Each structure stands twice: as C-alpha cells, then as structure tokens.
C-alpha cells in the first residue's frame, strides 16, 4: 500500500479547524448554556453569519454561506429548541460546514472579535 503525504497547509488547516472550533464551543457554552440549554449553538451561528456579512470578501468567495438566511430568524429561533434533537444536530452541521469554509486567519479573526465582545475568554 502506498502512503501519500498530505500537504502541510491542509494539515495545518485541519488542526486549526479542530482547535478553534473547540475554543468556540467551550466559550459559547460557558456564556450561554449554563442558563439556557443549547442556545449557545444559535448564538454561534448568528455571530458567524453576522461576521460573514461584515466581511464582504468572505461572502463574495462563498455566497452560498448565507443564501436565504434571515439573521433575525436565527437570533430568535431558540424557541424551537424543545422540538427535539434533530434540530440541534442540524445546527451542529451548519456550524461545522461554515466554520470549515472559513480560512484559518478568518477563524482567528472571528475569535479575536468575540474576545473583544467578552464572549470568548483569553
């Protein structure tokens, strides 16, 4: 069997994705979940969409990221949280896909922005 080496930038991107996603989930959970169940996932999604809209170059590179998205709907969607586990799984999938499409510098920029807003701890 032939073992193919993966390009270093790809491996670095995968590591960055995993590390920054862990930071993201842990910090949002600490801020929101303690009192509100899985609402932290809605806030992650809302904040990522807001970030993408603010950074027009991300949107132009991946317009499908926010196609047909109503930001106000996402912000207030937690009312549906009681309808079951499938909704939460869909939220995780949306977050994972969007987080994966961001470049490492964009993920880090997002985390810095959330630190400035006291969502993510240093």
PDB file of N, CA and C in Angstrom:
ATOM      1  N   UNK A   1       0.845  -1.178   0.000  1.00  0.00           N
ATOM      2  CA  UNK A   1       0.000   0.000   0.000  1.00  0.00           C
ATOM      3  C   UNK A   1       0.891   1.242   0.000  1.00  0.00           C
ATOM      4  N   UNK A   2       0.528   2.193  -0.820  1.00  0.00           N
ATOM      5  CA  UNK A   2       1.277   3.438  -0.937  1.00  0.00           C
ATOM      6  C   UNK A   2       0.715   4.451   0.047  1.00  0.00           C
ATOM      7  N   UNK A   3       1.610   5.054   0.805  1.00  0.00           N
ATOM      8  CA  UNK A   3       1.184   6.082   1.760  1.00  0.00           C
ATOM      9  C   UNK A   3       1.464   7.453   1.140  1.00  0.00           C
ATOM     10  N   UNK A   4       0.395   8.223   0.946  1.00  0.00           N
ATOM     11  CA  UNK A   4       0.548   9.548   0.362  1.00  0.00           C
ATOM     12  C   UNK A   4       0.619  10.602   1.471  1.00  0.00           C
ATOM     13  N   UNK A   5       1.567  11.482   1.339  1.00  0.00           N
ATOM     14  CA  UNK A   5       1.710  12.573   2.300  1.00  0.00           C
ATOM     15  C   UNK A   5       0.684  13.659   1.977  1.00  0.00           C
ATOM     16  N   UNK A   6       0.055  14.184   3.016  1.00  0.00           N
ATOM     17  CA  UNK A   6      -0.885  15.298   2.832  1.00  0.00           C
ATOM     18  C   UNK A   6      -0.094  16.607   2.842  1.00  0.00           C
ATOM     19  N   UNK A   7      -0.520  17.573   2.046  1.00  0.00           N
ATOM     20  CA  UNK A   7       0.179  18.861   2.038  1.00  0.00           C
ATOM     21  C   UNK A   7       0.101  19.519   3.424  1.00  0.00           C
ATOM     22  N   UNK A   8       1.213  20.121   3.844  1.00  0.00           N
ATOM     23  CA  UNK A   8       1.277  20.754   5.163  1.00  0.00           C
ATOM     24  C   UNK A   8       0.189  21.809   5.354  1.00  0.00           C
ATOM     25  N   UNK A   9      -0.097  22.682   4.384  1.00  0.00           N
ATOM     26  CA  UNK A   9      -1.169  23.678   4.593  1.00  0.00           C
ATOM     27  C   UNK A   9      -2.531  23.034   4.889  1.00  0.00           C
ATOM     28  N   UNK A  10      -2.811  21.907   4.263  1.00  0.00           N
ATOM     29  CA  UNK A  10      -4.073  21.210   4.516  1.00  0.00           C
ATOM     30  C   UNK A  10      -4.110  20.666   5.945  1.00  0.00           C
ATOM     31  N   UNK A  11      -3.031  20.053   6.368  1.00  0.00           N
ATOM     32  CA  UNK A  11      -2.962  19.525   7.728  1.00  0.00           C
ATOM     33  C   UNK A  11      -3.059  20.651   8.760  1.00  0.00           C
ATOM     34  N   UNK A  12      -2.400  21.776   8.474  1.00  0.00           N
ATOM     35  CA  UNK A  12      -2.480  22.938   9.378  1.00  0.00           C
ATOM     36  C   UNK A  12      -3.911  23.469   9.462  1.00  0.00           C
ATOM     37  N   UNK A  13      -4.602  23.495   8.325  1.00  0.00           N
ATOM     38  CA  UNK A  13      -5.993  23.964   8.299  1.00  0.00           C
ATOM     39  C   UNK A  13      -6.888  23.038   9.124  1.00  0.00           C
ATOM     40  N   UNK A  14      -6.675  21.733   9.000  1.00  0.00           N
ATOM     41  CA  UNK A  14      -7.474  20.764   9.755  1.00  0.00           C
ATOM     42  C   UNK A  14      -7.231  20.934  11.250  1.00  0.00           C
ATOM     43  N   UNK A  15      -5.960  21.086  11.638  1.00  0.00           N
ATOM     44  CA  UNK A  15      -5.635  21.302  13.056  1.00  0.00           C
ATOM     45  C   UNK A  15      -6.276  22.586  13.568  1.00  0.00           C
ATOM     46  N   UNK A  16      -6.160  23.651  12.768  1.00  0.00           N
ATOM     47  CA  UNK A  16      -6.734  24.940  13.168  1.00  0.00           C
ATOM     48  C   UNK A  16      -8.244  24.837  13.320  1.00  0.00           C
ATOM     49  N   UNK A  17      -8.895  24.158  12.378  1.00  0.00           N
ATOM     50  CA  UNK A  17     -10.349  23.964  12.452  1.00  0.00           C
ATOM     51  C   UNK A  17     -10.725  23.316  13.780  1.00  0.00           C
ATOM     52  N   UNK A  18     -10.054  22.223  14.109  1.00  0.00           N
ATOM     53  CA  UNK A  18     -10.392  21.481  15.327  1.00  0.00           C
ATOM     54  C   UNK A  18     -10.123  22.312  16.583  1.00  0.00           C
ATOM     55  N   UNK A  19      -8.984  22.979  16.628  1.00  0.00           N
ATOM     56  CA  UNK A  19      -8.622  23.764  17.815  1.00  0.00           C
ATOM     57  C   UNK A  19      -9.553  24.962  18.009  1.00  0.00           C
ATOM     58  N   UNK A  20      -9.809  25.702  16.936  1.00  0.00           N
ATOM     59  CA  UNK A  20     -10.643  26.894  17.064  1.00  0.00           C
ATOM     60  C   UNK A  20     -12.109  26.536  17.301  1.00  0.00           C
ATOM     61  N   UNK A  21     -12.568  25.436  16.736  1.00  0.00           N
ATOM     62  CA  UNK A  21     -13.951  25.005  16.971  1.00  0.00           C
ATOM     63  C   UNK A  21     -14.135  24.644  18.441  1.00  0.00           C
ATOM     64  N   UNK A  22     -13.150  23.983  19.016  1.00  0.00           N
ATOM     65  CA  UNK A  22     -13.213  23.636  20.431  1.00  0.00           C
ATOM     66  C   UNK A  22     -13.277  24.900  21.297  1.00  0.00           C
ATOM     67  N   UNK A  23     -12.447  25.889  20.987  1.00  0.00           N
ATOM     68  CA  UNK A  23     -12.465  27.173  21.707  1.00  0.00           C
ATOM     69  C   UNK A  23     -13.836  27.816  21.584  1.00  0.00           C
ATOM     70  N   UNK A  24     -14.357  27.826  20.370  1.00  0.00           N
ATOM     71  CA  UNK A  24     -15.658  28.422  20.087  1.00  0.00           C
ATOM     72  C   UNK A  24     -16.759  27.786  20.930  1.00  0.00           C
ATOM     73  N   UNK A  25     -16.889  26.472  20.845  1.00  0.00           N
ATOM     74  CA  UNK A  25     -17.952  25.773  21.567  1.00  0.00           C
ATOM     75  C   UNK A  25     -17.819  25.904  23.081  1.00  0.00           C
ATOM     76  N   UNK A  26     -16.600  25.741  23.599  1.00  0.00           N
ATOM     77  CA  UNK A  26     -16.405  25.814  25.048  1.00  0.00           C
ATOM     78  C   UNK A  26     -16.790  27.191  25.592  1.00  0.00           C
ATOM     79  N   UNK A  27     -16.362  28.236  24.901  1.00  0.00           N
ATOM     80  CA  UNK A  27     -16.627  29.582  25.399  1.00  0.00           C
ATOM     81  C   UNK A  27     -18.087  29.977  25.264  1.00  0.00           C
ATOM     82  N   UNK A  28     -18.707  29.664  24.144  1.00  0.00           N
ATOM     83  CA  UNK A  28     -20.131  29.977  23.997  1.00  0.00           C
ATOM     84  C   UNK A  28     -20.948  29.173  25.001  1.00  0.00           C
ATOM     85  N   UNK A  29     -20.549  27.927  25.235  1.00  0.00           N
ATOM     86  CA  UNK A  29     -21.248  27.115  26.219  1.00  0.00           C
ATOM     87  C   UNK A  29     -21.149  27.754  27.599  1.00  0.00           C
ATOM     88  N   UNK A  30     -19.969  28.212  27.963  1.00  0.00           N
ATOM     89  CA  UNK A  30     -19.779  28.848  29.271  1.00  0.00           C
ATOM     90  C   UNK A  30     -20.634  30.097  29.434  1.00  0.00           C
ATOM     91  N   UNK A  31     -20.801  30.847  28.356  1.00  0.00           N
ATOM     92  CA  UNK A  31     -21.560  32.096  28.438  1.00  0.00           C
ATOM     93  C   UNK A  31     -23.070  31.837  28.415  1.00  0.00           C
ATOM     94  N   UNK A  32     -23.542  30.940  27.547  1.00  0.00           N
ATOM     95  CA  UNK A  32     -24.986  30.806  27.313  1.00  0.00           C
ATOM     96  C   UNK A  32     -25.630  29.541  27.852  1.00  0.00           C
ATOM     97  N   UNK A  33     -24.985  28.411  27.728  1.00  0.00           N
ATOM     98  CA  UNK A  33     -25.653  27.141  28.017  1.00  0.00           C
ATOM     99  C   UNK A  33     -25.992  26.961  29.493  1.00  0.00           C
ATOM    100  N   UNK A  34     -25.163  27.468  30.355  1.00  0.00           N
ATOM    101  CA  UNK A  34     -25.401  27.303  31.787  1.00  0.00           C
ATOM    102  C   UNK A  34     -26.854  27.594  32.156  1.00  0.00           C
ATOM    103  N   UNK A  35     -27.387  28.639  31.560  1.00  0.00           N
ATOM    104  CA  UNK A  35     -28.733  29.075  31.919  1.00  0.00           C
ATOM    105  C   UNK A  35     -29.785  28.736  30.871  1.00  0.00           C
ATOM    106  N   UNK A  36     -29.370  28.436  29.644  1.00  0.00           N
ATOM    107  CA  UNK A  36     -30.343  28.376  28.557  1.00  0.00           C
ATOM    108  C   UNK A  36     -30.272  27.111  27.693  1.00  0.00           C
ATOM    109  N   UNK A  37     -29.753  26.022  28.171  1.00  0.00           N
ATOM    110  CA  UNK A  37     -29.716  24.810  27.359  1.00  0.00           C
ATOM    111  C   UNK A  37     -28.792  24.938  26.164  1.00  0.00           C
ATOM    112  N   UNK A  38     -29.234  24.502  24.997  1.00  0.00           N
ATOM    113  CA  UNK A  38     -28.401  24.510  23.785  1.00  0.00           C
ATOM    114  C   UNK A  38     -28.437  25.826  23.017  1.00  0.00           C
ATOM    115  N   UNK A  39     -28.870  26.875  23.645  1.00  0.00           N
ATOM    116  CA  UNK A  39     -28.981  28.160  22.953  1.00  0.00           C
ATOM    117  C   UNK A  39     -27.628  28.672  22.453  1.00  0.00           C
ATOM    118  N   UNK A  40     -26.540  28.200  23.045  1.00  0.00           N
ATOM    119  CA  UNK A  40     -25.215  28.659  22.620  1.00  0.00           C
ATOM    120  C   UNK A  40     -24.966  28.353  21.147  1.00  0.00           C
ATOM    121  N   UNK A  41     -25.559  27.296  20.617  1.00  0.00           N
ATOM    122  CA  UNK A  41     -25.360  26.958  19.210  1.00  0.00           C
ATOM    123  C   UNK A  41     -26.045  27.964  18.289  1.00  0.00           C
ATOM    124  N   UNK A  42     -27.189  28.460  18.714  1.00  0.00           N
ATOM    125  CA  UNK A  42     -27.854  29.510  17.927  1.00  0.00           C
ATOM    126  C   UNK A  42     -27.005  30.774  17.901  1.00  0.00           C
ATOM    127  N   UNK A  43     -26.418  31.111  19.048  1.00  0.00           N
ATOM    128  CA  UNK A  43     -25.599  32.318  19.107  1.00  0.00           C
ATOM    129  C   UNK A  43     -24.322  32.163  18.300  1.00  0.00           C
ATOM    130  N   UNK A  44     -23.739  30.973  18.292  1.00  0.00           N
ATOM    131  CA  UNK A  44     -22.559  30.742  17.446  1.00  0.00           C
ATOM    132  C   UNK A  44     -22.934  30.991  15.992  1.00  0.00           C
ATOM    133  N   UNK A  45     -24.016  30.379  15.548  1.00  0.00           N
ATOM    134  CA  UNK A  45     -24.442  30.519  14.162  1.00  0.00           C
ATOM    135  C   UNK A  45     -24.763  31.972  13.827  1.00  0.00           C
ATOM    136  N   UNK A  46     -25.494  32.640  14.704  1.00  0.00           N
ATOM    137  CA  UNK A  46     -25.840  34.044  14.483  1.00  0.00           C
ATOM    138  C   UNK A  46     -24.580  34.904  14.379  1.00  0.00           C
ATOM    139  N   UNK A  47     -23.649  34.727  15.290  1.00  0.00           N
ATOM    140  CA  UNK A  47     -22.431  35.540  15.276  1.00  0.00           C
ATOM    141  C   UNK A  47     -21.565  35.255  14.060  1.00  0.00           C
ATOM    142  N   UNK A  48     -21.491  33.990  13.637  1.00  0.00           N
ATOM    143  CA  UNK A  48     -20.712  33.668  12.436  1.00  0.00           C
ATOM    144  C   UNK A  48     -21.342  34.311  11.204  1.00  0.00           C
ATOM    145  N   UNK A  49     -22.668  34.211  11.073  1.00  0.00           N
ATOM    146  CA  UNK A  49     -23.336  34.849   9.930  1.00  0.00           C
ATOM    147  C   UNK A  49     -23.129  36.363   9.942  1.00  0.00           C
ATOM    148  N   UNK A  50     -23.220  36.964  11.095  1.00  0.00           N
ATOM    149  CA  UNK A  50     -23.003  38.404  11.202  1.00  0.00           C
ATOM    150  C   UNK A  50     -21.583  38.752  10.779  1.00  0.00           C
ATOM    151  N   UNK A  51     -20.629  37.969  11.206  1.00  0.00           N
ATOM    152  CA  UNK A  51     -19.221  38.170  10.843  1.00  0.00           C
ATOM    153  C   UNK A  51     -19.040  38.064   9.328  1.00  0.00           C
ATOM    154  N   UNK A  52     -19.644  37.055   8.721  1.00  0.00           N
ATOM    155  CA  UNK A  52     -19.515  36.855   7.273  1.00  0.00           C
ATOM    156  C   UNK A  52     -20.102  38.045   6.515  1.00  0.00           C
ATOM    157  N   UNK A  53     -21.226  38.545   6.971  1.00  0.00           N
ATOM    158  CA  UNK A  53     -21.848  39.700   6.309  1.00  0.00           C
ATOM    159  C   UNK A  53     -20.950  40.931   6.427  1.00  0.00           C
ATOM    160  N   UNK A  54     -20.341  41.115   7.601  1.00  0.00           N
ATOM    161  CA  UNK A  54     -19.453  42.258   7.804  1.00  0.00           C
ATOM    162  C   UNK A  54     -18.206  42.168   6.931  1.00  0.00           C
ATOM    163  N   UNK A  55     -17.705  40.972   6.733  1.00  0.00           N
ATOM    164  CA  UNK A  55     -16.501  40.751   5.922  1.00  0.00           C
ATOM    165  C   UNK A  55     -16.937  40.367   4.521  1.00  0.00           C
ATOM    166  N   UNK A  56     -17.179  41.337   3.697  1.00  0.00           N
ATOM    167  CA  UNK A  56     -17.750  41.135   2.374  1.00  0.00           C
ATOM    168  C   UNK A  56     -16.936  40.166   1.519  1.00  0.00           C
ATOM    169  N   UNK A  57     -15.603  40.128   1.692  1.00  0.00           N
ATOM    170  CA  UNK A  57     -14.784  39.235   0.874  1.00  0.00           C
ATOM    171  C   UNK A  57     -15.095  37.765   1.143  1.00  0.00           C
ATOM    172  N   UNK A  58     -15.464  37.418   2.373  1.00  0.00           N
ATOM    173  CA  UNK A  58     -15.854  36.031   2.683  1.00  0.00           C
ATOM    174  C   UNK A  58     -17.158  35.710   1.962  1.00  0.00           C
ATOM    175  N   UNK A  59     -18.095  36.650   2.014  1.00  0.00           N
ATOM    176  CA  UNK A  59     -19.376  36.432   1.350  1.00  0.00           C
ATOM    177  C   UNK A  59     -19.189  36.290  -0.161  1.00  0.00           C
ATOM    178  N   UNK A  60     -18.347  37.129  -0.757  1.00  0.00           N
ATOM    179  CA  UNK A  60     -18.133  37.067  -2.201  1.00  0.00           C
ATOM    180  C   UNK A  60     -17.454  35.765  -2.609  1.00  0.00           C
ATOM    181  N   UNK A  61     -16.599  35.236  -1.748  1.00  0.00           N
ATOM    182  CA  UNK A  61     -15.919  33.975  -2.038  1.00  0.00           C
ATOM    183  C   UNK A  61     -16.866  32.788  -1.892  1.00  0.00           C
ATOM    184  N   UNK A  62     -17.812  32.868  -0.951  1.00  0.00           N
ATOM    185  CA  UNK A  62     -18.750  31.773  -0.665  1.00  0.00           C
ATOM    186  C   UNK A  62     -20.164  32.310  -0.478  1.00  0.00           C
ATOM    187  N   UNK A  63     -20.813  32.814  -1.526  1.00  0.00           N
ATOM    188  CA  UNK A  63     -22.146  33.396  -1.335  1.00  0.00           C
ATOM    189  C   UNK A  63     -23.181  32.404  -0.815  1.00  0.00           C
ATOM    190  N   UNK A  64     -22.950  31.108  -1.018  1.00  0.00           N
ATOM    191  CA  UNK A  64     -23.895  30.100  -0.535  1.00  0.00           C
ATOM    192  C   UNK A  64     -23.926  30.025   0.984  1.00  0.00           C
ATOM    193  N   UNK A  65     -22.929  30.607   1.651  1.00  0.00           N
ATOM    194  CA  UNK A  65     -22.884  30.557   3.115  1.00  0.00           C
ATOM    195  C   UNK A  65     -24.106  31.191   3.753  1.00  0.00           C
ATOM    196  N   UNK A  66     -24.566  32.290   3.184  1.00  0.00           N
ATOM    197  CA  UNK A  66     -25.694  32.979   3.808  1.00  0.00           C
ATOM    198  C   UNK A  66     -26.878  33.136   2.863  1.00  0.00           C
ATOM    199  N   UNK A  67     -26.914  32.309   1.858  1.00  0.00           N
ATOM    200  CA  UNK A  67     -28.033  32.331   0.932  1.00  0.00           C
ATOM    201  C   UNK A  67     -29.327  31.972   1.669  1.00  0.00           C
ATOM    202  N   UNK A  68     -30.348  32.751   1.473  1.00  0.00           N
ATOM    203  CA  UNK A  68     -31.668  32.516   2.069  1.00  0.00           C
ATOM    204  C   UNK A  68     -31.650  32.457   3.599  1.00  0.00           C
ATOM    205  N   UNK A  69     -30.788  33.223   4.222  1.00  0.00           N
ATOM    206  CA  UNK A  69     -30.700  33.232   5.678  1.00  0.00           C
ATOM    207  C   UNK A  69     -31.303  34.535   6.200  1.00  0.00           C
ATOM    208  N   UNK A  70     -32.208  34.401   7.130  1.00  0.00           N
ATOM    209  CA  UNK A  70     -32.796  35.549   7.805  1.00  0.00           C
ATOM    210  C   UNK A  70     -32.144  35.639   9.185  1.00  0.00           C
ATOM    211  N   UNK A  71     -31.245  36.609   9.346  1.00  0.00           N
ATOM    212  CA  UNK A  71     -30.471  36.740  10.581  1.00  0.00           C
ATOM    213  C   UNK A  71     -31.382  36.887  11.791  1.00  0.00           C
ATOM    214  N   UNK A  72     -32.441  37.655  11.690  1.00  0.00           N
ATOM    215  CA  UNK A  72     -33.336  37.829  12.835  1.00  0.00           C
ATOM    216  C   UNK A  72     -34.020  36.513  13.205  1.00  0.00           C
ATOM    217  N   UNK A  73     -34.302  35.683  12.207  1.00  0.00           N
ATOM    218  CA  UNK A  73     -34.915  34.383  12.482  1.00  0.00           C
ATOM    219  C   UNK A  73     -33.951  33.507  13.281  1.00  0.00           C
ATOM    220  N   UNK A  74     -32.682  33.500  12.874  1.00  0.00           N
ATOM    221  CA  UNK A  74     -31.688  32.702  13.600  1.00  0.00           C
ATOM    222  C   UNK A  74     -31.566  33.199  15.023  1.00  0.00           C
ATOM    223  N   UNK A  75     -31.573  34.501  15.192  1.00  0.00           N
ATOM    224  CA  UNK A  75     -31.389  35.080  16.524  1.00  0.00           C
ATOM    225  C   UNK A  75     -32.498  34.641  17.481  1.00  0.00           C
ATOM    226  N   UNK A  76     -33.700  34.524  16.981  1.00  0.00           N
ATOM    227  CA  UNK A  76     -34.822  34.209  17.860  1.00  0.00           C
ATOM    228  C   UNK A  76     -35.343  32.784  17.693  1.00  0.00           C
ATOM    229  N   UNK A  77     -34.669  31.959  16.925  1.00  0.00           N
ATOM    230  CA  UNK A  77     -35.070  30.580  16.677  1.00  0.00           C
ATOM    231  C   UNK A  77     -35.007  29.684  17.912  1.00  0.00           C
ATOM    232  N   UNK A  78     -34.307  30.029  18.998  1.00  0.00           N
ATOM    233  CA  UNK A  78     -34.218  29.110  20.140  1.00  0.00           C
ATOM    234  C   UNK A  78     -35.546  28.646  20.708  1.00  0.00           C
ATOM    235  N   UNK A  79     -36.612  29.314  20.405  1.00  0.00           N
ATOM    236  CA  UNK A  79     -37.926  28.863  20.855  1.00  0.00           C
ATOM    237  C   UNK A  79     -38.185  27.440  20.358  1.00  0.00           C
ATOM    238  N   UNK A  80     -37.633  27.081  19.205  1.00  0.00           N
ATOM    239  CA  UNK A  80     -37.848  25.764  18.619  1.00  0.00           C
ATOM    240  C   UNK A  80     -37.008  24.677  19.283  1.00  0.00           C
ATOM    241  N   UNK A  81     -36.157  25.045  20.193  1.00  0.00           N
ATOM    242  CA  UNK A  81     -35.211  24.102  20.775  1.00  0.00           C
ATOM    243  C   UNK A  81     -35.902  22.912  21.437  1.00  0.00           C
ATOM    244  N   UNK A  82     -37.101  23.067  21.889  1.00  0.00           N
ATOM    245  CA  UNK A  82     -37.815  21.992  22.571  1.00  0.00           C
ATOM    246  C   UNK A  82     -38.369  20.945  21.600  1.00  0.00           C
ATOM    247  N   UNK A  83     -38.256  21.179  20.317  1.00  0.00           N
ATOM    248  CA  UNK A  83     -38.852  20.262  19.347  1.00  0.00           C
ATOM    249  C   UNK A  83     -38.016  19.015  19.091  1.00  0.00           C
ATOM    250  N   UNK A  84     -36.848  18.923  19.677  1.00  0.00           N
ATOM    251  CA  UNK A  84     -36.131  17.667  19.563  1.00  0.00           C
ATOM    252  C   UNK A  84     -34.676  17.768  19.181  1.00  0.00           C
ATOM    253  N   UNK A  85     -34.054  16.628  19.213  1.00  0.00           N
ATOM    254  CA  UNK A  85     -32.626  16.502  18.998  1.00  0.00           C
ATOM    255  C   UNK A  85     -32.207  16.783  17.559  1.00  0.00           C
ATOM    256  N   UNK A  86     -33.049  16.490  16.576  1.00  0.00           N
ATOM    257  CA  UNK A  86     -32.677  16.688  15.174  1.00  0.00           C
ATOM    258  C   UNK A  86     -32.347  18.134  14.859  1.00  0.00           C
ATOM    259  N   UNK A  87     -33.056  19.060  15.469  1.00  0.00           N
ATOM    260  CA  UNK A  87     -32.777  20.474  15.240  1.00  0.00           C
ATOM    261  C   UNK A  87     -31.369  20.820  15.713  1.00  0.00           C
ATOM    262  N   UNK A  88     -30.975  20.294  16.855  1.00  0.00           N
ATOM    263  CA  UNK A  88     -29.638  20.558  17.382  1.00  0.00           C
ATOM    264  C   UNK A  88     -28.575  19.952  16.474  1.00  0.00           C
ATOM    265  N   UNK A  89     -28.813  18.750  15.961  1.00  0.00           N
ATOM    266  CA  UNK A  89     -27.865  18.127  15.039  1.00  0.00           C
ATOM    267  C   UNK A  89     -27.718  18.967  13.775  1.00  0.00           C
ATOM    268  N   UNK A  90     -28.811  19.532  13.280  1.00  0.00           N
ATOM    269  CA  UNK A  90     -28.735  20.388  12.093  1.00  0.00           C
ATOM    270  C   UNK A  90     -27.939  21.654  12.385  1.00  0.00           C
ATOM    271  N   UNK A  91     -28.095  22.198  13.578  1.00  0.00           N
ATOM    272  CA  UNK A  91     -27.313  23.376  13.964  1.00  0.00           C
ATOM    273  C   UNK A  91     -25.827  23.041  13.975  1.00  0.00           C
ATOM    274  N   UNK A  92     -25.473  21.908  14.565  1.00  0.00           N
ATOM    275  CA  UNK A  92     -24.072  21.484  14.585  1.00  0.00           C
ATOM    276  C   UNK A  92     -23.538  21.347  13.163  1.00  0.00           C
ATOM    277  N   UNK A  93     -24.312  20.755  12.283  1.00  0.00           N
ATOM    278  CA  UNK A  93     -23.874  20.586  10.894  1.00  0.00           C
ATOM    279  C   UNK A  93     -23.657  21.926  10.214  1.00  0.00           C
ATOM    280  N   UNK A  94     -24.601  22.853  10.403  1.00  0.00           N
ATOM    281  CA  UNK A  94     -24.452  24.187   9.798  1.00  0.00           C
ATOM    282  C   UNK A  94     -23.187  24.870  10.304  1.00  0.00           C
ATOM    283  N   UNK A  95     -22.983  24.822  11.613  1.00  0.00           N
ATOM    284  CA  UNK A  95     -21.802  25.457  12.206  1.00  0.00           C
ATOM    285  C   UNK A  95     -20.529  24.812  11.666  1.00  0.00           C
ATOM    286  N   UNK A  96     -20.480  23.481  11.634  1.00  0.00           N
ATOM    287  CA  UNK A  96     -19.283  22.777  11.170  1.00  0.00           C
ATOM    288  C   UNK A  96     -18.953  23.110   9.720  1.00  0.00           C
ATOM    289  N   UNK A  97     -19.955  23.141   8.869  1.00  0.00           N
ATOM    290  CA  UNK A  97     -19.716  23.436   7.452  1.00  0.00           C
ATOM    291  C   UNK A  97     -19.195  24.853   7.289  1.00  0.00           C
ATOM    292  N   UNK A  98     -19.854  25.801   7.906  1.00  0.00           N
ATOM    293  CA  UNK A  98     -19.440  27.199   7.752  1.00  0.00           C
ATOM    294  C   UNK A  98     -18.070  27.422   8.372  1.00  0.00           C
ATOM    295  N   UNK A  99     -17.846  26.859   9.545  1.00  0.00           N
ATOM    296  CA  UNK A  99     -16.543  27.016  10.212  1.00  0.00           C
ATOM    297  C   UNK A  99     -15.440  26.419   9.343  1.00  0.00           C
ATOM    298  N   UNK A 100     -15.720  25.308   8.680  1.00  0.00           N
ATOM    299  CA  UNK A 100     -14.739  24.672   7.805  1.00  0.00           C
ATOM    300  C   UNK A 100     -14.447  25.461   6.539  1.00  0.00           C
ATOM    301  N   UNK A 101     -15.415  26.235   6.066  1.00  0.00           N
ATOM    302  CA  UNK A 101     -15.198  27.028   4.855  1.00  0.00           C
ATOM    303  C   UNK A 101     -14.403  28.309   5.123  1.00  0.00           C
ATOM    304  N   UNK A 102     -14.375  28.728   6.382  1.00  0.00           N
ATOM    305  CA  UNK A 102     -13.564  29.898   6.711  1.00  0.00           C
ATOM    306  C   UNK A 102     -12.087  29.521   6.674  1.00  0.00           C
ATOM    307  N   UNK A 103     -11.266  30.457   6.276  1.00  0.00           N
ATOM    308  CA  UNK A 103      -9.819  30.246   6.286  1.00  0.00           C
ATOM    309  C   UNK A 103      -9.304  30.371   7.718  1.00  0.00           C
ATOM    310  N   UNK A 104      -8.147  29.786   8.027  1.00  0.00           N
ATOM    311  CA  UNK A 104      -7.616  29.878   9.391  1.00  0.00           C
ATOM    312  C   UNK A 104      -7.502  31.318   9.916  1.00  0.00           C
ATOM    313  N   UNK A 105      -7.059  32.240   9.074  1.00  0.00           N
ATOM    314  CA  UNK A 105      -6.943  33.631   9.538  1.00  0.00           C
ATOM    315  C   UNK A 105      -8.319  34.243   9.815  1.00  0.00           C
ATOM    316  N   UNK A 106      -9.349  33.803   9.084  1.00  0.00           N
ATOM    317  CA  UNK A 106     -10.707  34.291   9.334  1.00  0.00           C
ATOM    318  C   UNK A 106     -11.267  33.709  10.626  1.00  0.00           C
ATOM    319  N   UNK A 107     -10.983  32.450  10.879  1.00  0.00           N
ATOM    320  CA  UNK A 107     -11.423  31.841  12.141  1.00  0.00           C
ATOM    321  C   UNK A 107     -10.788  32.567  13.321  1.00  0.00           C
ATOM    322  N   UNK A 108      -9.491  32.821  13.205  1.00  0.00           N
ATOM    323  CA  UNK A 108      -8.790  33.506  14.289  1.00  0.00           C
ATOM    324  C   UNK A 108      -9.269  34.940  14.444  1.00  0.00           C
ATOM    325  N   UNK A 109      -9.557  35.603  13.339  1.00  0.00           N
ATOM    326  CA  UNK A 109     -10.105  36.958  13.395  1.00  0.00           C
ATOM    327  C   UNK A 109     -11.458  36.962  14.098  1.00  0.00           C
ATOM    328  N   UNK A 110     -12.280  35.967  13.805  1.00  0.00           N
ATOM    329  CA  UNK A 110     -13.579  35.841  14.457  1.00  0.00           C
ATOM    330  C   UNK A 110     -13.409  35.654  15.964  1.00  0.00           C
ATOM    331  N   UNK A 111     -12.488  34.789  16.354  1.00  0.00           N
ATOM    332  CA  UNK A 111     -12.246  34.549  17.781  1.00  0.00           C
ATOM    333  C   UNK A 111     -11.761  35.815  18.466  1.00  0.00           C
ATOM    334  N   UNK A 112     -10.883  36.565  17.819  1.00  0.00           N
ATOM    335  CA  UNK A 112     -10.410  37.841  18.384  1.00  0.00           C
ATOM    336  C   UNK A 112     -11.574  38.798  18.556  1.00  0.00           C
ATOM    337  N   UNK A 113     -12.440  38.868  17.545  1.00  0.00           N
ATOM    338  CA  UNK A 113     -13.617  39.739  17.629  1.00  0.00           C
ATOM    339  C   UNK A 113     -14.515  39.338  18.799  1.00  0.00           C
ATOM    340  N   UNK A 114     -14.724  38.047  18.984  1.00  0.00           N
ATOM    341  CA  UNK A 114     -15.567  37.578  20.088  1.00  0.00           C
ATOM    342  C   UNK A 114     -14.889  37.805  21.447  1.00  0.00           C
ATOM    343  N   UNK A 115     -13.554  37.793  21.470  1.00  0.00           N
ATOM    344  CA  UNK A 115     -12.841  38.139  22.721  1.00  0.00           C
ATOM    345  C   UNK A 115     -13.088  39.598  23.077  1.00  0.00           C
ATOM    346  N   UNK A 116     -13.068  40.441  22.065  1.00  0.00           N
ATOM    347  CA  UNK A 116     -13.321  41.867  22.295  1.00  0.00           C
ATOM    348  C   UNK A 116     -14.737  42.098  22.824  1.00  0.00           C
ATOM    349  N   UNK A 117     -15.659  41.227  22.459  1.00  0.00           N
ATOM    350  CA  UNK A 117     -17.044  41.336  22.926  1.00  0.00           C
ATOM    351  C   UNK A 117     -17.283  40.507  24.193  1.00  0.00           C
ATOM    352  N   UNK A 118     -16.209  39.979  24.765  1.00  0.00           N
ATOM    353  CA  UNK A 118     -16.264  39.198  26.009  1.00  0.00           C
ATOM    354  C   UNK A 118     -17.091  37.922  25.920  1.00  0.00           C
ATOM    355  N   UNK A 119     -17.200  37.350  24.735  1.00  0.00           N
ATOM    356  CA  UNK A 119     -17.859  36.053  24.569  1.00  0.00           C
ATOM    357  C   UNK A 119     -16.823  34.950  24.803  1.00  0.00           C
ATOM    358  N   UNK A 120     -15.638  35.160  24.235  1.00  0.00           N
ATOM    359  CA  UNK A 120     -14.561  34.186  24.334  1.00  0.00           C
ATOM    360  C   UNK A 120     -13.509  34.719  25.289  1.00  0.00           C
ATOM    361  N   UNK A 121     -13.117  33.866  26.232  1.00  0.00           N
ATOM    362  CA  UNK A 121     -12.113  34.243  27.219  1.00  0.00           C
ATOM    363  C   UNK A 121     -10.729  34.071  26.646  1.00  0.00           C
ATOM    364  N   UNK A 122      -9.773  34.796  27.185  1.00  0.00           N
ATOM    365  CA  UNK A 122      -8.383  34.713  26.706  1.00  0.00           C
ATOM    366  C   UNK A 122      -7.694  33.474  27.191  1.00  0.00           C
TER     367      UNK A 122
END
